[in-house]
Amino acid sequence: MDDRELLEAAARAAGLRVKWEPVHGGLWIEPGQGIQIDPWNPLTDDGDALRLAVKLRLQVHIQDYGTSARPMSKLPEAWVGCESHKMGGDHAAATRLAITRAAAQIGSEKEGR
């Protein structure tokens, strides 16, 4: 799954309608959802990632080696994670990726993939 597919699946999980606009910086939340119209990317934006984790009630586990996330409503669902060293040692990036991957898993299940 590439970044666009990952983000689209995560948006589905959160109930967001998004539009791909490569000229304007990627994925944008469509108007009329009570949200400011801005680029939406929980892979790069801490705020988007946190709002996604809260909306989906994700359990996030951060360790020295990386971060894992999973939906609390589906315990004992397997953790979806990211090792920090694969993100250049950036724990925030690993956390954003783990949250987005867990959300995308939920979004893919909603679509029956």
PDB file of N, CA and C in Angstrom:
ATOM      1  N   MET A   1       0.851  -1.165   0.000  1.00  0.00           N
ATOM      2  CA  MET A   1       0.000   0.000   0.000  1.00  0.00           C
ATOM      3  C   MET A   1       0.905   1.240   0.000  1.00  0.00           C
ATOM      4  N   ASP A   2       0.720   2.129  -0.975  1.00  0.00           N
ATOM      5  CA  ASP A   2       1.517   3.362  -0.990  1.00  0.00           C
ATOM      6  C   ASP A   2       0.910   4.392  -0.032  1.00  0.00           C
ATOM      7  N   ASP A   3       1.589   5.530   0.124  1.00  0.00           N
ATOM      8  CA  ASP A   3       1.129   6.538   1.085  1.00  0.00           C
ATOM      9  C   ASP A   3      -0.283   7.033   0.776  1.00  0.00           C
ATOM     10  N   ARG A   4      -0.580   7.251  -0.489  1.00  0.00           N
ATOM     11  CA  ARG A   4      -1.920   7.743  -0.845  1.00  0.00           C
ATOM     12  C   ARG A   4      -2.994   6.746  -0.423  1.00  0.00           C
ATOM     13  N   GLU A   5      -2.802   5.476  -0.735  1.00  0.00           N
ATOM     14  CA  GLU A   5      -3.772   4.438  -0.357  1.00  0.00           C
ATOM     15  C   GLU A   5      -3.884   4.321   1.162  1.00  0.00           C
ATOM     16  N   LEU A   6      -2.754   4.419   1.839  1.00  0.00           N
ATOM     17  CA  LEU A   6      -2.725   4.353   3.300  1.00  0.00           C
ATOM     18  C   LEU A   6      -3.542   5.503   3.900  1.00  0.00           C
ATOM     19  N   LEU A   7      -3.319   6.706   3.384  1.00  0.00           N
ATOM     20  CA  LEU A   7      -4.040   7.879   3.882  1.00  0.00           C
ATOM     21  C   LEU A   7      -5.525   7.816   3.557  1.00  0.00           C
ATOM     22  N   GLU A   8      -5.868   7.351   2.365  1.00  0.00           N
ATOM     23  CA  GLU A   8      -7.283   7.241   1.989  1.00  0.00           C
ATOM     24  C   GLU A   8      -8.005   6.232   2.872  1.00  0.00           C
ATOM     25  N   ALA A   9      -7.354   5.103   3.167  1.00  0.00           N
ATOM     26  CA  ALA A   9      -7.957   4.096   4.045  1.00  0.00           C
ATOM     27  C   ALA A   9      -8.103   4.639   5.468  1.00  0.00           C
ATOM     28  N   ALA A  10      -7.108   5.390   5.944  1.00  0.00           N
ATOM     29  CA  ALA A  10      -7.181   5.986   7.280  1.00  0.00           C
ATOM     30  C   ALA A  10      -8.318   7.009   7.346  1.00  0.00           C
ATOM     31  N   ALA A  11      -8.478   7.790   6.286  1.00  0.00           N
ATOM     32  CA  ALA A  11      -9.569   8.770   6.238  1.00  0.00           C
ATOM     33  C   ALA A  11     -10.930   8.073   6.266  1.00  0.00           C
ATOM     34  N   ARG A  12     -11.056   6.966   5.541  1.00  0.00           N
ATOM     35  CA  ARG A  12     -12.308   6.177   5.556  1.00  0.00           C
ATOM     36  C   ARG A  12     -12.633   5.733   6.975  1.00  0.00           C
ATOM     37  N   ALA A  13     -11.622   5.258   7.679  1.00  0.00           N
ATOM     38  CA  ALA A  13     -11.827   4.787   9.055  1.00  0.00           C
ATOM     39  C   ALA A  13     -12.365   5.906   9.938  1.00  0.00           C
ATOM     40  N   ALA A  14     -11.893   7.131   9.704  1.00  0.00           N
ATOM     41  CA  ALA A  14     -12.307   8.276  10.512  1.00  0.00           C
ATOM     42  C   ALA A  14     -13.596   8.909   9.993  1.00  0.00           C
ATOM     43  N   GLY A  15     -14.124   8.382   8.906  1.00  0.00           N
ATOM     44  CA  GLY A  15     -15.358   8.928   8.346  1.00  0.00           C
ATOM     45  C   GLY A  15     -15.154  10.244   7.620  1.00  0.00           C
ATOM     46  N   LEU A  16     -13.942  10.493   7.161  1.00  0.00           N
ATOM     47  CA  LEU A  16     -13.636  11.725   6.431  1.00  0.00           C
ATOM     48  C   LEU A  16     -13.731  11.485   4.930  1.00  0.00           C
ATOM     49  N   ARG A  17     -14.324  12.439   4.241  1.00  0.00           N
ATOM     50  CA  ARG A  17     -14.305  12.425   2.779  1.00  0.00           C
ATOM     51  C   ARG A  17     -13.125  13.292   2.360  1.00  0.00           C
ATOM     52  N   VAL A  18     -12.231  12.727   1.599  1.00  0.00           N
ATOM     53  CA  VAL A  18     -11.027  13.444   1.203  1.00  0.00           C
ATOM     54  C   VAL A  18     -10.904  13.441  -0.317  1.00  0.00           C
ATOM     55  N   LYS A  19     -10.119  14.365  -0.792  1.00  0.00           N
ATOM     56  CA  LYS A  19      -9.888  14.492  -2.224  1.00  0.00           C
ATOM     57  C   LYS A  19      -8.393  14.588  -2.465  1.00  0.00           C
ATOM     58  N   TRP A  20      -7.910  13.856  -3.452  1.00  0.00           N
ATOM     59  CA  TRP A  20      -6.497  13.872  -3.783  1.00  0.00           C
ATOM     60  C   TRP A  20      -6.220  15.053  -4.714  1.00  0.00           C
ATOM     61  N   GLU A  21      -5.339  15.931  -4.290  1.00  0.00           N
ATOM     62  CA  GLU A  21      -4.959  17.117  -5.058  1.00  0.00           C
ATOM     63  C   GLU A  21      -3.432  17.198  -5.106  1.00  0.00           C
ATOM     64  N   PRO A  22      -2.789  16.465  -6.021  1.00  0.00           N
ATOM     65  CA  PRO A  22      -1.325  16.451  -6.037  1.00  0.00           C
ATOM     66  C   PRO A  22      -0.701  17.822  -6.274  1.00  0.00           C
ATOM     67  N   VAL A  23      -1.380  18.686  -7.025  1.00  0.00           N
ATOM     68  CA  VAL A  23      -0.853  20.016  -7.302  1.00  0.00           C
ATOM     69  C   VAL A  23      -0.840  20.873  -6.039  1.00  0.00           C
ATOM     70  N   HIS A  24      -1.802  20.636  -5.146  1.00  0.00           N
ATOM     71  CA  HIS A  24      -1.947  21.447  -3.939  1.00  0.00           C
ATOM     72  C   HIS A  24      -1.470  20.741  -2.677  1.00  0.00           C
ATOM     73  N   GLY A  25      -0.656  19.742  -2.800  1.00  0.00           N
ATOM     74  CA  GLY A  25      -0.038  19.163  -1.617  1.00  0.00           C
ATOM     75  C   GLY A  25      -0.620  17.859  -1.108  1.00  0.00           C
ATOM     76  N   GLY A  26      -1.378  17.144  -1.914  1.00  0.00           N
ATOM     77  CA  GLY A  26      -1.821  15.816  -1.509  1.00  0.00           C
ATOM     78  C   GLY A  26      -3.285  15.701  -1.170  1.00  0.00           C
ATOM     79  N   LEU A  27      -3.584  15.162  -0.015  1.00  0.00           N
ATOM     80  CA  LEU A  27      -4.951  14.851   0.393  1.00  0.00           C
ATOM     81  C   LEU A  27      -5.561  16.036   1.134  1.00  0.00           C
ATOM     82  N   TRP A  28      -6.785  16.389   0.756  1.00  0.00           N
ATOM     83  CA  TRP A  28      -7.512  17.494   1.380  1.00  0.00           C
ATOM     84  C   TRP A  28      -8.849  16.988   1.859  1.00  0.00           C
ATOM     85  N   ILE A  29      -9.284  17.479   2.994  1.00  0.00           N
ATOM     86  CA  ILE A  29     -10.602  17.141   3.505  1.00  0.00           C
ATOM     87  C   ILE A  29     -11.621  17.911   2.683  1.00  0.00           C
ATOM     88  N   GLU A  30     -12.648  17.219   2.185  1.00  0.00           N
ATOM     89  CA  GLU A  30     -13.676  17.880   1.381  1.00  0.00           C
ATOM     90  C   GLU A  30     -14.499  18.823   2.249  1.00  0.00           C
ATOM     91  N   PRO A  31     -14.992  19.914   1.658  1.00  0.00           N
ATOM     92  CA  PRO A  31     -15.783  20.898   2.406  1.00  0.00           C
ATOM     93  C   PRO A  31     -17.059  20.294   3.004  1.00  0.00           C
ATOM     94  N   GLY A  32     -17.591  20.979   4.002  1.00  0.00           N
ATOM     95  CA  GLY A  32     -18.874  20.596   4.579  1.00  0.00           C
ATOM     96  C   GLY A  32     -18.803  19.560   5.680  1.00  0.00           C
ATOM     97  N   GLN A  33     -17.632  19.337   6.239  1.00  0.00           N
ATOM     98  CA  GLN A  33     -17.499  18.340   7.299  1.00  0.00           C
ATOM     99  C   GLN A  33     -17.186  18.987   8.648  1.00  0.00           C
ATOM    100  N   GLY A  34     -17.392  20.299   8.721  1.00  0.00           N
ATOM    101  CA  GLY A  34     -17.161  21.005   9.976  1.00  0.00           C
ATOM    102  C   GLY A  34     -15.704  21.094  10.366  1.00  0.00           C
ATOM    103  N   ILE A  35     -14.824  20.950   9.383  1.00  0.00           N
ATOM    104  CA  ILE A  35     -13.388  20.963   9.632  1.00  0.00           C
ATOM    105  C   ILE A  35     -12.772  22.010   8.710  1.00  0.00           C
ATOM    106  N   GLN A  36     -11.784  22.714   9.211  1.00  0.00           N
ATOM    107  CA  GLN A  36     -11.094  23.690   8.377  1.00  0.00           C
ATOM    108  C   GLN A  36     -10.492  22.980   7.167  1.00  0.00           C
ATOM    109  N   ILE A  37     -10.593  23.602   6.012  1.00  0.00           N
ATOM    110  CA  ILE A  37     -10.074  23.006   4.786  1.00  0.00           C
ATOM    111  C   ILE A  37      -8.556  23.194   4.761  1.00  0.00           C
ATOM    112  N   ASP A  38      -7.852  22.162   5.001  1.00  0.00           N
ATOM    113  CA  ASP A  38      -6.390  22.152   4.995  1.00  0.00           C
ATOM    114  C   ASP A  38      -5.928  20.828   4.431  1.00  0.00           C
ATOM    115  N   PRO A  39      -4.662  20.770   4.019  1.00  0.00           N
ATOM    116  CA  PRO A  39      -4.136  19.455   3.656  1.00  0.00           C
ATOM    117  C   PRO A  39      -4.255  18.532   4.873  1.00  0.00           C
ATOM    118  N   TRP A  40      -4.530  17.268   4.644  1.00  0.00           N
ATOM    119  CA  TRP A  40      -4.679  16.301   5.731  1.00  0.00           C
ATOM    120  C   TRP A  40      -3.642  15.216   5.538  1.00  0.00           C
ATOM    121  N   ASN A  41      -2.736  15.081   6.484  1.00  0.00           N
ATOM    122  CA  ASN A  41      -1.704  14.058   6.360  1.00  0.00           C
ATOM    123  C   ASN A  41      -1.177  13.663   7.737  1.00  0.00           C
ATOM    124  N   PRO A  42      -1.778  12.632   8.348  1.00  0.00           N
ATOM    125  CA  PRO A  42      -1.300  12.178   9.656  1.00  0.00           C
ATOM    126  C   PRO A  42       0.078  11.518   9.601  1.00  0.00           C
ATOM    127  N   LEU A  43       0.610  11.283   8.406  1.00  0.00           N
ATOM    128  CA  LEU A  43       1.977  10.764   8.305  1.00  0.00           C
ATOM    129  C   LEU A  43       3.007  11.851   8.587  1.00  0.00           C
ATOM    130  N   THR A  44       2.633  13.112   8.352  1.00  0.00           N
ATOM    131  CA  THR A  44       3.582  14.205   8.529  1.00  0.00           C
ATOM    132  C   THR A  44       3.138  15.241   9.556  1.00  0.00           C
ATOM    133  N   ASP A  45       1.872  15.222   9.941  1.00  0.00           N
ATOM    134  CA  ASP A  45       1.340  16.244  10.843  1.00  0.00           C
ATOM    135  C   ASP A  45       0.953  15.607  12.178  1.00  0.00           C
ATOM    136  N   ASP A  46       1.627  16.033  13.255  1.00  0.00           N
ATOM    137  CA  ASP A  46       1.360  15.475  14.580  1.00  0.00           C
ATOM    138  C   ASP A  46      -0.103  15.661  14.984  1.00  0.00           C
ATOM    139  N   GLY A  47      -0.670  16.843  14.698  1.00  0.00           N
ATOM    140  CA  GLY A  47      -2.060  17.124  15.068  1.00  0.00           C
ATOM    141  C   GLY A  47      -3.036  16.205  14.355  1.00  0.00           C
ATOM    142  N   ASP A  48      -2.836  16.009  13.047  1.00  0.00           N
ATOM    143  CA  ASP A  48      -3.712  15.098  12.299  1.00  0.00           C
ATOM    144  C   ASP A  48      -3.621  13.681  12.854  1.00  0.00           C
ATOM    145  N   ALA A  49      -2.401  13.244  13.185  1.00  0.00           N
ATOM    146  CA  ALA A  49      -2.213  11.895  13.730  1.00  0.00           C
ATOM    147  C   ALA A  49      -2.896  11.747  15.088  1.00  0.00           C
ATOM    148  N   LEU A  50      -2.738  12.745  15.953  1.00  0.00           N
ATOM    149  CA  LEU A  50      -3.363  12.671  17.270  1.00  0.00           C
ATOM    150  C   LEU A  50      -4.887  12.673  17.164  1.00  0.00           C
ATOM    151  N   ARG A  51      -5.435  13.565  16.311  1.00  0.00           N
ATOM    152  CA  ARG A  51      -6.894  13.587  16.134  1.00  0.00           C
ATOM    153  C   ARG A  51      -7.396  12.250  15.597  1.00  0.00           C
ATOM    154  N   LEU A  52      -6.640  11.627  14.709  1.00  0.00           N
ATOM    155  CA  LEU A  52      -7.011  10.317  14.164  1.00  0.00           C
ATOM    156  C   LEU A  52      -7.002   9.256  15.266  1.00  0.00           C
ATOM    157  N   ALA A  53      -5.968   9.248  16.086  1.00  0.00           N
ATOM    158  CA  ALA A  53      -5.876   8.271  17.181  1.00  0.00           C
ATOM    159  C   ALA A  53      -7.021   8.443  18.170  1.00  0.00           C
ATOM    160  N   VAL A  54      -7.366   9.690  18.482  1.00  0.00           N
ATOM    161  CA  VAL A  54      -8.453   9.953  19.425  1.00  0.00           C
ATOM    162  C   VAL A  54      -9.792   9.549  18.816  1.00  0.00           C
ATOM    163  N   LYS A  55     -10.032   9.955  17.570  1.00  0.00           N
ATOM    164  CA  LYS A  55     -11.306   9.651  16.899  1.00  0.00           C
ATOM    165  C   LYS A  55     -11.558   8.144  16.851  1.00  0.00           C
ATOM    166  N   LEU A  56     -10.498   7.379  16.572  1.00  0.00           N
ATOM    167  CA  LEU A  56     -10.638   5.927  16.424  1.00  0.00           C
ATOM    168  C   LEU A  56     -10.371   5.167  17.717  1.00  0.00           C
ATOM    169  N   ARG A  57     -10.111   5.903  18.801  1.00  0.00           N
ATOM    170  CA  ARG A  57      -9.838   5.283  20.104  1.00  0.00           C
ATOM    171  C   ARG A  57      -8.713   4.246  20.000  1.00  0.00           C
ATOM    172  N   LEU A  58      -7.600   4.690  19.408  1.00  0.00           N
ATOM    173  CA  LEU A  58      -6.463   3.789  19.252  1.00  0.00           C
ATOM    174  C   LEU A  58      -5.643   3.746  20.534  1.00  0.00           C
ATOM    175  N   GLN A  59      -5.149   2.584  20.832  1.00  0.00           N
ATOM    176  CA  GLN A  59      -4.210   2.415  21.928  1.00  0.00           C
ATOM    177  C   GLN A  59      -2.819   2.530  21.300  1.00  0.00           C
ATOM    178  N   VAL A  60      -2.001   3.433  21.799  1.00  0.00           N
ATOM    179  CA  VAL A  60      -0.674   3.690  21.245  1.00  0.00           C
ATOM    180  C   VAL A  60       0.368   3.337  22.296  1.00  0.00           C
ATOM    181  N   HIS A  61       1.361   2.567  21.891  1.00  0.00           N
ATOM    182  CA  HIS A  61       2.406   2.093  22.801  1.00  0.00           C
ATOM    183  C   HIS A  61       3.758   2.517  22.236  1.00  0.00           C
ATOM    184  N   ILE A  62       4.466   3.385  22.956  1.00  0.00           N
ATOM    185  CA  ILE A  62       5.743   3.921  22.485  1.00  0.00           C
ATOM    186  C   ILE A  62       6.875   3.341  23.320  1.00  0.00           C
ATOM    187  N   GLN A  63       7.852   2.779  22.640  1.00  0.00           N
ATOM    188  CA  GLN A  63       9.031   2.192  23.278  1.00  0.00           C
ATOM    189  C   GLN A  63      10.274   2.794  22.646  1.00  0.00           C
ATOM    190  N   ASP A  64      11.436   2.486  23.191  1.00  0.00           N
ATOM    191  CA  ASP A  64      12.691   2.977  22.614  1.00  0.00           C
ATOM    192  C   ASP A  64      12.877   2.495  21.177  1.00  0.00           C
ATOM    193  N   TYR A  65      12.441   1.289  20.872  1.00  0.00           N
ATOM    194  CA  TYR A  65      12.654   0.705  19.547  1.00  0.00           C
ATOM    195  C   TYR A  65      11.631   1.155  18.511  1.00  0.00           C
ATOM    196  N   GLY A  66      10.491   1.682  18.952  1.00  0.00           N
ATOM    197  CA  GLY A  66       9.470   2.108  17.999  1.00  0.00           C
ATOM    198  C   GLY A  66       8.115   2.251  18.657  1.00  0.00           C
ATOM    199  N   THR A  67       7.095   2.348  17.827  1.00  0.00           N
ATOM    200  CA  THR A  67       5.735   2.588  18.295  1.00  0.00           C
ATOM    201  C   THR A  67       4.785   1.569  17.681  1.00  0.00           C
ATOM    202  N   SER A  68       3.787   1.173  18.458  1.00  0.00           N
ATOM    203  CA  SER A  68       2.733   0.283  17.976  1.00  0.00           C
ATOM    204  C   SER A  68       1.387   0.912  18.300  1.00  0.00           C
ATOM    205  N   ALA A  69       0.386   0.584  17.506  1.00  0.00           N
ATOM    206  CA  ALA A  69      -0.965   1.092  17.746  1.00  0.00           C
ATOM    207  C   ALA A  69      -1.974   0.009  17.380  1.00  0.00           C
ATOM    208  N   ARG A  70      -3.145   0.086  18.026  1.00  0.00           N
ATOM    209  CA  ARG A  70      -4.237  -0.833  17.700  1.00  0.00           C
ATOM    210  C   ARG A  70      -5.533  -0.235  18.225  1.00  0.00           C
ATOM    211  N   PRO A  71      -6.644  -0.634  17.630  1.00  0.00           N
ATOM    212  CA  PRO A  71      -7.934  -0.125  18.111  1.00  0.00           C
ATOM    213  C   PRO A  71      -8.282  -0.755  19.448  1.00  0.00           C
ATOM    214  N   MET A  72      -8.672   0.050  20.406  1.00  0.00           N
ATOM    215  CA  MET A  72      -9.049  -0.462  21.722  1.00  0.00           C
ATOM    216  C   MET A  72     -10.322  -1.291  21.645  1.00  0.00           C
ATOM    217  N   SER A  73     -11.193  -0.983  20.692  1.00  0.00           N
ATOM    218  CA  SER A  73     -12.464  -1.685  20.571  1.00  0.00           C
ATOM    219  C   SER A  73     -12.299  -3.100  20.038  1.00  0.00           C
ATOM    220  N   LYS A  74     -11.124  -3.434  19.534  1.00  0.00           N
ATOM    221  CA  LYS A  74     -10.940  -4.740  18.919  1.00  0.00           C
ATOM    222  C   LYS A  74      -9.902  -5.578  19.652  1.00  0.00           C
ATOM    223  N   LEU A  75      -9.721  -5.327  20.935  1.00  0.00           N
ATOM    224  CA  LEU A  75      -8.758  -6.129  21.686  1.00  0.00           C
ATOM    225  C   LEU A  75      -9.179  -7.583  21.649  1.00  0.00           C
ATOM    226  N   PRO A  76      -8.336  -8.543  21.522  1.00  0.00           N
ATOM    227  CA  PRO A  76      -6.880  -8.435  21.474  1.00  0.00           C
ATOM    228  C   PRO A  76      -6.319  -8.359  20.047  1.00  0.00           C
ATOM    229  N   GLU A  77      -6.811  -7.469  19.242  1.00  0.00           N
ATOM    230  CA  GLU A  77      -6.316  -7.262  17.882  1.00  0.00           C
ATOM    231  C   GLU A  77      -4.797  -7.094  17.882  1.00  0.00           C
ATOM    232  N   ALA A  78      -4.163  -7.564  16.830  1.00  0.00           N
ATOM    233  CA  ALA A  78      -2.710  -7.442  16.736  1.00  0.00           C
ATOM    234  C   ALA A  78      -2.282  -5.983  16.640  1.00  0.00           C
ATOM    235  N   TRP A  79      -1.131  -5.697  17.191  1.00  0.00           N
ATOM    236  CA  TRP A  79      -0.551  -4.362  17.112  1.00  0.00           C
ATOM    237  C   TRP A  79      -0.032  -4.113  15.699  1.00  0.00           C
ATOM    238  N   VAL A  80      -0.133  -2.871  15.248  1.00  0.00           N
ATOM    239  CA  VAL A  80       0.465  -2.439  13.988  1.00  0.00           C
ATOM    240  C   VAL A  80       1.544  -1.453  14.377  1.00  0.00           C
ATOM    241  N   GLY A  81       2.773  -1.673  13.912  1.00  0.00           N
ATOM    242  CA  GLY A  81       3.840  -0.831  14.420  1.00  0.00           C
ATOM    243  C   GLY A  81       4.814  -0.317  13.392  1.00  0.00           C
ATOM    244  N   CYS A  82       5.767   0.423  13.901  1.00  0.00           N
ATOM    245  CA  CYS A  82       6.852   0.964  13.094  1.00  0.00           C
ATOM    246  C   CYS A  82       8.086   1.075  13.980  1.00  0.00           C
ATOM    247  N   GLU A  83       9.196   0.555  13.503  1.00  0.00           N
ATOM    248  CA  GLU A  83      10.447   0.652  14.240  1.00  0.00           C
ATOM    249  C   GLU A  83      11.078   2.017  13.975  1.00  0.00           C
ATOM    250  N   SER A  84      11.517   2.679  15.029  1.00  0.00           N
ATOM    251  CA  SER A  84      12.060   4.035  14.915  1.00  0.00           C
ATOM    252  C   SER A  84      13.290   4.115  14.015  1.00  0.00           C
ATOM    253  N   HIS A  85      14.126   3.087  14.039  1.00  0.00           N
ATOM    254  CA  HIS A  85      15.346   3.150  13.227  1.00  0.00           C
ATOM    255  C   HIS A  85      15.023   3.215  11.736  1.00  0.00           C
ATOM    256  N   LYS A  86      13.860   2.702  11.344  1.00  0.00           N
ATOM    257  CA  LYS A  86      13.450   2.776   9.934  1.00  0.00           C
ATOM    258  C   LYS A  86      13.002   4.183   9.553  1.00  0.00           C
ATOM    259  N   MET A  87      12.822   5.025  10.555  1.00  0.00           N
ATOM    260  CA  MET A  87      12.424   6.422  10.334  1.00  0.00           C
ATOM    261  C   MET A  87      13.575   7.346  10.730  1.00  0.00           C
ATOM    262  N   GLY A  88      14.799   6.849  10.633  1.00  0.00           N
ATOM    263  CA  GLY A  88      15.966   7.659  10.971  1.00  0.00           C
ATOM    264  C   GLY A  88      16.069   7.970  12.450  1.00  0.00           C
ATOM    265  N   GLY A  89      15.467   7.137  13.290  1.00  0.00           N
ATOM    266  CA  GLY A  89      15.484   7.359  14.729  1.00  0.00           C
ATOM    267  C   GLY A  89      14.444   8.363  15.200  1.00  0.00           C
ATOM    268  N   ASP A  90      13.570   8.779  14.318  1.00  0.00           N
ATOM    269  CA  ASP A  90      12.550   9.781  14.631  1.00  0.00           C
ATOM    270  C   ASP A  90      11.338   9.095  15.265  1.00  0.00           C
ATOM    271  N   HIS A  91      11.218   9.189  16.586  1.00  0.00           N
ATOM    272  CA  HIS A  91      10.121   8.521  17.298  1.00  0.00           C
ATOM    273  C   HIS A  91       8.766   9.129  16.945  1.00  0.00           C
ATOM    274  N   ALA A  92       8.717  10.426  16.694  1.00  0.00           N
ATOM    275  CA  ALA A  92       7.450  11.061  16.313  1.00  0.00           C
ATOM    276  C   ALA A  92       6.974  10.533  14.966  1.00  0.00           C
ATOM    277  N   ALA A  93       7.888  10.393  14.008  1.00  0.00           N
ATOM    278  CA  ALA A  93       7.521   9.859  12.693  1.00  0.00           C
ATOM    279  C   ALA A  93       7.050   8.411  12.809  1.00  0.00           C
ATOM    280  N   ALA A  94       7.726   7.622  13.643  1.00  0.00           N
ATOM    281  CA  ALA A  94       7.315   6.228  13.844  1.00  0.00           C
ATOM    282  C   ALA A  94       5.926   6.164  14.479  1.00  0.00           C
ATOM    283  N   THR A  95       5.645   7.085  15.393  1.00  0.00           N
ATOM    284  CA  THR A  95       4.338   7.130  16.051  1.00  0.00           C
ATOM    285  C   THR A  95       3.251   7.513  15.057  1.00  0.00           C
ATOM    286  N   ARG A  96       3.512   8.524  14.230  1.00  0.00           N
ATOM    287  CA  ARG A  96       2.529   8.923  13.214  1.00  0.00           C
ATOM    288  C   ARG A  96       2.252   7.779  12.243  1.00  0.00           C
ATOM    289  N   LEU A  97       3.297   7.072  11.836  1.00  0.00           N
ATOM    290  CA  LEU A  97       3.114   5.962  10.900  1.00  0.00           C
ATOM    291  C   LEU A  97       2.325   4.818  11.542  1.00  0.00           C
ATOM    292  N   ALA A  98       2.623   4.480  12.777  1.00  0.00           N
ATOM    293  CA  ALA A  98       1.887   3.411  13.459  1.00  0.00           C
ATOM    294  C   ALA A  98       0.406   3.764  13.587  1.00  0.00           C
ATOM    295  N   ILE A  99       0.106   5.004  13.943  1.00  0.00           N
ATOM    296  CA  ILE A  99      -1.287   5.447  14.059  1.00  0.00           C
ATOM    297  C   ILE A  99      -1.980   5.367  12.704  1.00  0.00           C
ATOM    298  N   THR A 100      -1.327   5.855  11.662  1.00  0.00           N
ATOM    299  CA  THR A 100      -1.926   5.852  10.321  1.00  0.00           C
ATOM    300  C   THR A 100      -2.122   4.429   9.825  1.00  0.00           C
ATOM    301  N   ARG A 101      -1.170   3.549  10.073  1.00  0.00           N
ATOM    302  CA  ARG A 101      -1.315   2.142   9.659  1.00  0.00           C
ATOM    303  C   ARG A 101      -2.482   1.463  10.381  1.00  0.00           C
ATOM    304  N   ALA A 102      -2.615   1.706  11.681  1.00  0.00           N
ATOM    305  CA  ALA A 102      -3.725   1.105  12.428  1.00  0.00           C
ATOM    306  C   ALA A 102      -5.057   1.635  11.904  1.00  0.00           C
ATOM    307  N   ALA A 103      -5.117   2.935  11.631  1.00  0.00           N
ATOM    308  CA  ALA A 103      -6.340   3.526  11.082  1.00  0.00           C
ATOM    309  C   ALA A 103      -6.642   2.962   9.705  1.00  0.00           C
ATOM    310  N   ALA A 104      -5.616   2.818   8.872  1.00  0.00           N
ATOM    311  CA  ALA A 104      -5.815   2.274   7.527  1.00  0.00           C
ATOM    312  C   ALA A 104      -6.328   0.838   7.587  1.00  0.00           C
ATOM    313  N   GLN A 105      -5.858   0.084   8.562  1.00  0.00           N
ATOM    314  CA  GLN A 105      -6.349  -1.289   8.735  1.00  0.00           C
ATOM    315  C   GLN A 105      -7.851  -1.274   9.024  1.00  0.00           C
ATOM    316  N   ILE A 106      -8.288  -0.361   9.863  1.00  0.00           N
ATOM    317  CA  ILE A 106      -9.711  -0.224  10.168  1.00  0.00           C
ATOM    318  C   ILE A 106     -10.471   0.187   8.918  1.00  0.00           C
ATOM    319  N   GLY A 107      -9.929   1.170   8.175  1.00  0.00           N
ATOM    320  CA  GLY A 107     -10.573   1.632   6.948  1.00  0.00           C
ATOM    321  C   GLY A 107     -10.685   0.572   5.898  1.00  0.00           C
ATOM    322  N   SER A 108      -9.663  -0.257   5.775  1.00  0.00           N
ATOM    323  CA  SER A 108      -9.677  -1.355   4.809  1.00  0.00           C
ATOM    324  C   SER A 108     -10.711  -2.408   5.193  1.00  0.00           C
ATOM    325  N   GLU A 109     -10.855  -2.665   6.499  1.00  0.00           N
ATOM    326  CA  GLU A 109     -11.857  -3.619   6.964  1.00  0.00           C
ATOM    327  C   GLU A 109     -13.266  -3.096   6.685  1.00  0.00           C
ATOM    328  N   LYS A 110     -13.458  -1.781   6.826  1.00  0.00           N
ATOM    329  CA  LYS A 110     -14.760  -1.179   6.520  1.00  0.00           C
ATOM    330  C   LYS A 110     -15.152  -1.381   5.070  1.00  0.00           C
ATOM    331  N   GLU A 111     -14.139  -1.348   4.208  1.00  0.00           N
ATOM    332  CA  GLU A 111     -14.386  -1.505   2.774  1.00  0.00           C
ATOM    333  C   GLU A 111     -14.375  -2.977   2.360  1.00  0.00           C
ATOM    334  N   GLY A 112     -14.028  -3.859   3.270  1.00  0.00           N
ATOM    335  CA  GLY A 112     -14.025  -5.288   2.983  1.00  0.00           C
ATOM    336  C   GLY A 112     -12.809  -5.760   2.242  1.00  0.00           C
ATOM    337  N   ARG A 113     -11.697  -5.084   2.424  1.00  0.00           N
ATOM    338  CA  ARG A 113     -10.451  -5.483   1.748  1.00  0.00           C
ATOM    339  C   ARG A 113      -9.679  -6.460   2.576  1.00  0.00           C
TER     340      ARG A 113
END
